[in-house]
Amino acid sequence: MIPTGRFAISLAGAHADGRYKSQRRKIMHKYTILSLLIAALVILPVAPGAMAQEPSPTDVVQSYYTALGQAAADGDLTALLDLFADDAAITVPALSPNPVSGKDAIQTTIGGILTMLQGLQITVGDIAVEGEQVTVQYTISTAEMETPIPATDTFVIQAGQIQSLTIDISTEAMAAVTPAELPQTGGAALPLLPGLLVAGGAAVLALRRRFV
């Protein structure tokens, strides 16, 4: 029996309303999928950079010796300085408890004498990593030295950069670099500092072998 009258009109209206809601759901579903695709296209190019991890303390120390070796070869300290924080400090306790800080001081002291200590040989021993701190034990020798002299570099690495470097070296090693040969950078103790900084980082090849 075919519905007539008001019932027929109501039934037709219900069918029409159902079709409208169904079409609306399909349209909203398509918009949702499209929005997700657009969001994915925007996020994906950024994600690799956002997820990239900063270098480990060991990686930074290895890069330090590598960059120092490159600076000694071509005189370009850019890569070396990039490894230090802007307020980084270098301390040589045997000379002074006061650190030399800032990239300008690092560039001045290291850059002025990279070619002065030719023939210096460093043999790397133990390398210890404890959190942000990396300690490198090594010995220094030259043609004039009868016995290698022990020394230690202690790095503090923060946020993927060198925050501080402490060079512990004996007075015998300091005597191997005479004040007259060093560039004048400050007071009585400071002229010796550049040579010690280079001595503390001259074992490029030996240290790289240890890290491999």
Foldseek 3Di string as FASTA:
>chain_A
DQDDDPVNVVVVVVVVVVVVVVVVVVVVVVVVVVVVVVVCVVVVVVVVVVPDDADALLVLLLQLLVLLVVCLVPVDCVSNLVQADQFAWEAEVVQPRDTDTGSVSVCVLQSQCSPPPPQKEKAWDDWDDDHQKIKTKIWIDGPPDPDTWIKMWIFGDDPNHTRYIYIYGDVVVLVVDDLVSFDDDDDPRVSSVSVSVCSNRNHNPNVNVVVD
